[in-house]
Amino acid sequence: MDQALGSKKPSALTDTSSAEENALYKAWEKSNRLSIMFMRMTIANNIKTTLPKTNNAKEFLSNVENRFKTVDKSLVETLMAKLTTMKFDGKHGIQEHAIEMTNLAAQLKDECV
């Protein structure tokens, strides 16, 4: 299945294409079709509907990557806002407040790496 993701699409078949070129093209097409089908099956429906339609596995994977880049940016902004506006309310101990801030900082560090 990784043939479609690991190699370029072979040139289109013509009347003068050899049997080897024909077999390579058919194998790539099958790999591409199976890769797209498998990726679509494993992605949540709410994400699938936001992705542009494509018949190329590499393009599909690139679209998924671009979709998650924007999600990561919004998560970083949310974590940063929580961390900078967080105040000690006195309801819980100072130790719990410090642990919560440390956890937010660790999440932010993980997202920025």
N, C-alpha and C. Protein backbone atom coordinates (compact mmCIF):
# COMPACT_ATOMS: atom_id res chain seq x y z
N MET A 1 0.81 -1.20 0.00
CA MET A 1 0.00 0.00 0.00
C MET A 1 0.85 1.27 0.00
N ASP A 2 2.08 1.20 0.43
CA ASP A 2 2.89 2.39 0.54
C ASP A 2 3.47 2.86 -0.78
N GLN A 3 3.22 2.14 -1.85
CA GLN A 3 3.76 2.53 -3.15
C GLN A 3 3.22 3.89 -3.56
N ALA A 4 1.96 4.17 -3.32
CA ALA A 4 1.37 5.45 -3.71
C ALA A 4 1.93 6.59 -2.88
N LEU A 5 2.29 6.32 -1.63
CA LEU A 5 2.82 7.37 -0.77
C LEU A 5 4.32 7.54 -0.93
N GLY A 6 5.01 6.49 -1.36
CA GLY A 6 6.46 6.52 -1.44
C GLY A 6 7.04 6.84 -2.80
N SER A 7 6.21 6.83 -3.82
CA SER A 7 6.74 7.11 -5.16
C SER A 7 5.79 8.02 -5.92
N LYS A 8 6.34 8.65 -6.95
CA LYS A 8 5.53 9.54 -7.79
C LYS A 8 4.57 8.72 -8.63
N LYS A 9 3.52 9.37 -9.07
CA LYS A 9 2.57 8.71 -9.95
C LYS A 9 3.27 8.45 -11.28
N PRO A 10 3.21 7.22 -11.77
CA PRO A 10 3.83 6.93 -13.07
C PRO A 10 3.15 7.69 -14.19
N SER A 11 3.87 7.88 -15.28
CA SER A 11 3.29 8.59 -16.41
C SER A 11 2.11 7.79 -16.97
N ALA A 12 1.21 8.51 -17.59
CA ALA A 12 -0.01 7.88 -18.12
C ALA A 12 0.34 6.84 -19.17
N LEU A 13 -0.48 5.83 -19.24
CA LEU A 13 -0.26 4.75 -20.20
C LEU A 13 -0.62 5.21 -21.61
N THR A 14 0.15 4.72 -22.56
CA THR A 14 -0.12 4.99 -23.96
C THR A 14 -0.15 3.66 -24.71
N ASP A 15 -0.39 3.73 -26.01
CA ASP A 15 -0.40 2.51 -26.82
C ASP A 15 0.98 1.87 -26.89
N THR A 16 2.02 2.68 -26.71
CA THR A 16 3.39 2.17 -26.83
C THR A 16 3.99 1.79 -25.47
N SER A 17 3.21 1.84 -24.41
CA SER A 17 3.71 1.49 -23.08
C SER A 17 4.05 0.00 -23.03
N SER A 18 5.16 -0.29 -22.35
CA SER A 18 5.58 -1.69 -22.23
C SER A 18 4.73 -2.40 -21.17
N ALA A 19 4.86 -3.70 -21.12
CA ALA A 19 4.12 -4.49 -20.13
C ALA A 19 4.57 -4.13 -18.72
N GLU A 20 5.85 -3.81 -18.56
CA GLU A 20 6.37 -3.43 -17.24
C GLU A 20 5.79 -2.10 -16.79
N GLU A 21 5.72 -1.13 -17.71
CA GLU A 21 5.12 0.17 -17.39
C GLU A 21 3.64 0.01 -17.06
N ASN A 22 2.97 -0.84 -17.79
CA ASN A 22 1.55 -1.11 -17.57
C ASN A 22 1.34 -1.71 -16.18
N ALA A 23 2.17 -2.68 -15.81
CA ALA A 23 2.05 -3.32 -14.49
C ALA A 23 2.36 -2.33 -13.37
N LEU A 24 3.38 -1.50 -13.57
CA LEU A 24 3.74 -0.50 -12.57
C LEU A 24 2.61 0.50 -12.35
N TYR A 25 2.01 0.95 -13.45
CA TYR A 25 0.92 1.91 -13.35
C TYR A 25 -0.28 1.31 -12.63
N LYS A 26 -0.63 0.08 -12.98
CA LYS A 26 -1.77 -0.59 -12.34
C LYS A 26 -1.51 -0.82 -10.85
N ALA A 27 -0.28 -1.20 -10.50
CA ALA A 27 0.07 -1.41 -9.09
C ALA A 27 0.00 -0.10 -8.31
N TRP A 28 0.47 0.99 -8.93
CA TRP A 28 0.42 2.30 -8.26
C TRP A 28 -1.03 2.73 -8.06
N GLU A 29 -1.86 2.56 -9.09
CA GLU A 29 -3.27 2.93 -8.99
C GLU A 29 -3.97 2.16 -7.87
N LYS A 30 -3.71 0.86 -7.78
CA LYS A 30 -4.32 0.04 -6.74
C LYS A 30 -3.84 0.49 -5.37
N SER A 31 -2.55 0.74 -5.23
CA SER A 31 -1.99 1.22 -3.96
C SER A 31 -2.60 2.55 -3.57
N ASN A 32 -2.74 3.45 -4.52
CA ASN A 32 -3.33 4.77 -4.27
C ASN A 32 -4.77 4.64 -3.81
N ARG A 33 -5.54 3.83 -4.50
CA ARG A 33 -6.96 3.63 -4.16
C ARG A 33 -7.12 3.03 -2.77
N LEU A 34 -6.31 2.01 -2.45
CA LEU A 34 -6.38 1.37 -1.14
C LEU A 34 -5.92 2.32 -0.03
N SER A 35 -4.89 3.11 -0.30
CA SER A 35 -4.39 4.06 0.70
C SER A 35 -5.44 5.09 1.05
N ILE A 36 -6.07 5.65 0.03
CA ILE A 36 -7.11 6.66 0.28
C ILE A 36 -8.28 6.02 1.04
N MET A 37 -8.69 4.83 0.64
CA MET A 37 -9.80 4.16 1.30
C MET A 37 -9.46 3.89 2.78
N PHE A 38 -8.26 3.42 3.05
CA PHE A 38 -7.86 3.14 4.43
C PHE A 38 -7.80 4.42 5.26
N MET A 39 -7.23 5.48 4.70
CA MET A 39 -7.14 6.75 5.45
C MET A 39 -8.52 7.31 5.73
N ARG A 40 -9.42 7.24 4.76
CA ARG A 40 -10.78 7.75 4.97
C ARG A 40 -11.52 6.95 6.04
N MET A 41 -11.26 5.64 6.09
CA MET A 41 -11.93 4.79 7.09
C MET A 41 -11.44 5.10 8.51
N THR A 42 -10.21 5.52 8.66
CA THR A 42 -9.64 5.70 9.99
C THR A 42 -9.77 7.13 10.52
N ILE A 43 -10.21 8.06 9.70
CA ILE A 43 -10.35 9.46 10.13
C ILE A 43 -11.78 9.70 10.56
N ALA A 44 -11.95 10.45 11.63
CA ALA A 44 -13.28 10.76 12.16
C ALA A 44 -14.11 11.51 11.11
N ASN A 45 -15.41 11.28 11.13
CA ASN A 45 -16.32 11.88 10.14
C ASN A 45 -16.30 13.40 10.16
N ASN A 46 -16.20 13.99 11.35
CA ASN A 46 -16.21 15.46 11.40
C ASN A 46 -14.96 16.06 10.76
N ILE A 47 -13.87 15.31 10.71
CA ILE A 47 -12.66 15.80 10.04
C ILE A 47 -12.77 15.55 8.53
N LYS A 48 -13.29 14.39 8.16
CA LYS A 48 -13.42 14.05 6.73
C LYS A 48 -14.22 15.09 5.96
N THR A 49 -15.27 15.59 6.58
CA THR A 49 -16.14 16.53 5.86
C THR A 49 -15.46 17.86 5.60
N THR A 50 -14.41 18.19 6.36
CA THR A 50 -13.74 19.47 6.17
C THR A 50 -12.58 19.38 5.18
N LEU A 51 -12.24 18.18 4.75
CA LEU A 51 -11.12 17.99 3.82
C LEU A 51 -11.58 18.09 2.38
N PRO A 52 -10.78 18.72 1.52
CA PRO A 52 -11.14 18.75 0.10
C PRO A 52 -11.06 17.36 -0.52
N LYS A 53 -11.89 17.10 -1.49
CA LYS A 53 -11.89 15.80 -2.18
C LYS A 53 -10.66 15.70 -3.08
N THR A 54 -10.01 14.55 -3.05
CA THR A 54 -8.87 14.30 -3.92
C THR A 54 -8.77 12.81 -4.22
N ASN A 55 -8.16 12.49 -5.35
CA ASN A 55 -7.96 11.10 -5.73
C ASN A 55 -6.50 10.69 -5.63
N ASN A 56 -5.72 11.48 -4.92
CA ASN A 56 -4.30 11.19 -4.76
C ASN A 56 -3.99 11.04 -3.27
N ALA A 57 -3.39 9.92 -2.88
CA ALA A 57 -3.12 9.63 -1.47
C ALA A 57 -2.17 10.65 -0.85
N LYS A 58 -1.14 11.07 -1.60
CA LYS A 58 -0.20 12.07 -1.07
C LYS A 58 -0.90 13.39 -0.80
N GLU A 59 -1.75 13.82 -1.72
CA GLU A 59 -2.50 15.06 -1.53
C GLU A 59 -3.44 14.95 -0.33
N PHE A 60 -4.09 13.81 -0.19
CA PHE A 60 -5.01 13.59 0.93
C PHE A 60 -4.26 13.72 2.26
N LEU A 61 -3.10 13.07 2.34
CA LEU A 61 -2.29 13.14 3.55
C LEU A 61 -1.82 14.56 3.82
N SER A 62 -1.47 15.28 2.79
CA SER A 62 -1.06 16.68 2.92
C SER A 62 -2.22 17.54 3.42
N ASN A 63 -3.42 17.28 2.93
CA ASN A 63 -4.61 18.02 3.38
C ASN A 63 -4.89 17.77 4.86
N VAL A 64 -4.71 16.52 5.30
CA VAL A 64 -4.90 16.19 6.71
C VAL A 64 -3.87 16.92 7.56
N GLU A 65 -2.63 16.92 7.10
CA GLU A 65 -1.56 17.61 7.83
C GLU A 65 -1.86 19.10 7.97
N ASN A 66 -2.28 19.73 6.88
CA ASN A 66 -2.61 21.16 6.92
C ASN A 66 -3.78 21.44 7.85
N ARG A 67 -4.74 20.55 7.87
CA ARG A 67 -5.91 20.70 8.75
C ARG A 67 -5.50 20.71 10.22
N PHE A 68 -4.57 19.82 10.58
CA PHE A 68 -4.16 19.72 11.97
C PHE A 68 -3.19 20.82 12.38
N LYS A 69 -2.51 21.44 11.44
CA LYS A 69 -1.65 22.57 11.78
C LYS A 69 -2.49 23.72 12.34
N THR A 70 -3.64 23.99 11.74
CA THR A 70 -4.49 25.06 12.23
C THR A 70 -5.08 24.71 13.58
N VAL A 71 -5.41 23.44 13.80
CA VAL A 71 -5.94 23.01 15.09
C VAL A 71 -4.88 23.19 16.17
N ASP A 72 -3.63 22.84 15.88
CA ASP A 72 -2.54 22.98 16.84
C ASP A 72 -2.34 24.44 17.23
N LYS A 73 -2.43 25.35 16.25
CA LYS A 73 -2.25 26.77 16.55
C LYS A 73 -3.33 27.26 17.51
N SER A 74 -4.57 26.85 17.30
CA SER A 74 -5.64 27.31 18.17
C SER A 74 -5.50 26.71 19.57
N LEU A 75 -5.00 25.48 19.67
CA LEU A 75 -4.77 24.87 20.98
C LEU A 75 -3.68 25.61 21.74
N VAL A 76 -2.62 25.98 21.06
CA VAL A 76 -1.54 26.74 21.69
C VAL A 76 -2.08 28.08 22.20
N GLU A 77 -2.90 28.75 21.39
CA GLU A 77 -3.47 30.02 21.81
C GLU A 77 -4.36 29.85 23.04
N THR A 78 -5.15 28.79 23.07
CA THR A 78 -6.03 28.52 24.20
C THR A 78 -5.22 28.25 25.47
N LEU A 79 -4.20 27.40 25.36
CA LEU A 79 -3.36 27.09 26.53
C LEU A 79 -2.64 28.34 27.03
N MET A 80 -2.15 29.14 26.11
CA MET A 80 -1.44 30.37 26.49
C MET A 80 -2.39 31.33 27.20
N ALA A 81 -3.60 31.45 26.71
CA ALA A 81 -4.58 32.34 27.34
C ALA A 81 -4.92 31.86 28.75
N LYS A 82 -5.12 30.54 28.91
CA LYS A 82 -5.42 29.99 30.24
C LYS A 82 -4.27 30.26 31.20
N LEU A 83 -3.05 30.02 30.73
CA LEU A 83 -1.89 30.16 31.60
C LEU A 83 -1.66 31.61 32.01
N THR A 84 -1.85 32.54 31.11
CA THR A 84 -1.57 33.95 31.43
C THR A 84 -2.69 34.62 32.22
N THR A 85 -3.91 34.08 32.16
CA THR A 85 -5.02 34.71 32.88
C THR A 85 -5.40 33.96 34.15
N MET A 86 -4.71 32.89 34.43
CA MET A 86 -5.02 32.06 35.59
C MET A 86 -4.71 32.81 36.90
N LYS A 87 -5.65 32.78 37.83
CA LYS A 87 -5.45 33.47 39.12
C LYS A 87 -5.75 32.51 40.26
N PHE A 88 -5.08 32.71 41.34
CA PHE A 88 -5.33 31.91 42.54
C PHE A 88 -6.62 32.38 43.17
N ASP A 89 -7.60 31.46 43.34
CA ASP A 89 -8.92 31.85 43.84
C ASP A 89 -9.11 31.58 45.33
N GLY A 90 -8.20 30.88 45.95
CA GLY A 90 -8.30 30.62 47.38
C GLY A 90 -9.18 29.45 47.74
N LYS A 91 -9.92 28.89 46.79
CA LYS A 91 -10.79 27.75 47.08
C LYS A 91 -9.99 26.47 47.25
N HIS A 92 -8.93 26.35 46.50
CA HIS A 92 -8.05 25.19 46.57
C HIS A 92 -6.71 25.64 47.14
N GLY A 93 -5.90 24.70 47.48
CA GLY A 93 -4.60 25.05 48.03
C GLY A 93 -3.66 25.63 46.98
N ILE A 94 -2.64 26.32 47.43
CA ILE A 94 -1.66 26.92 46.53
C ILE A 94 -0.90 25.83 45.78
N GLN A 95 -0.73 24.69 46.42
CA GLN A 95 -0.02 23.58 45.77
C GLN A 95 -0.80 23.10 44.55
N GLU A 96 -2.12 22.96 44.67
CA GLU A 96 -2.95 22.53 43.54
C GLU A 96 -2.91 23.56 42.41
N HIS A 97 -2.90 24.83 42.78
CA HIS A 97 -2.82 25.90 41.79
C HIS A 97 -1.49 25.82 41.04
N ALA A 98 -0.42 25.61 41.76
CA ALA A 98 0.90 25.50 41.13
C ALA A 98 0.99 24.28 40.23
N ILE A 99 0.42 23.16 40.66
CA ILE A 99 0.42 21.94 39.84
C ILE A 99 -0.38 22.16 38.56
N GLU A 100 -1.51 22.82 38.67
CA GLU A 100 -2.34 23.09 37.49
C GLU A 100 -1.58 23.98 36.50
N MET A 101 -0.89 24.99 37.01
CA MET A 101 -0.10 25.86 36.14
C MET A 101 1.05 25.08 35.49
N THR A 102 1.69 24.21 36.26
CA THR A 102 2.78 23.40 35.72
C THR A 102 2.27 22.47 34.63
N ASN A 103 1.09 21.88 34.83
CA ASN A 103 0.50 21.01 33.81
C ASN A 103 0.20 21.78 32.52
N LEU A 104 -0.35 22.98 32.66
CA LEU A 104 -0.62 23.80 31.48
C LEU A 104 0.67 24.15 30.75
N ALA A 105 1.70 24.48 31.51
CA ALA A 105 2.99 24.82 30.90
C ALA A 105 3.58 23.61 30.17
N ALA A 106 3.43 22.42 30.75
CA ALA A 106 3.93 21.20 30.11
C ALA A 106 3.16 20.91 28.81
N GLN A 107 1.84 21.09 28.83
CA GLN A 107 1.03 20.89 27.62
C GLN A 107 1.45 21.88 26.54
N LEU A 108 1.67 23.12 26.94
CA LEU A 108 2.09 24.16 25.99
C LEU A 108 3.44 23.82 25.39
N LYS A 109 4.36 23.34 26.22
CA LYS A 109 5.69 22.96 25.74
C LYS A 109 5.57 21.80 24.74
N ASP A 110 4.73 20.82 25.03
CA ASP A 110 4.54 19.68 24.13
C ASP A 110 3.98 20.12 22.78
N GLU A 111 3.07 21.08 22.79
CA GLU A 111 2.44 21.53 21.55
C GLU A 111 3.39 22.38 20.71
N CYS A 112 4.31 23.07 21.35
CA CYS A 112 5.22 23.95 20.62
C CYS A 112 6.43 23.21 20.07
N VAL A 113 6.66 21.99 20.50
CA VAL A 113 7.84 21.25 20.01
C VAL A 113 7.59 20.64 18.68
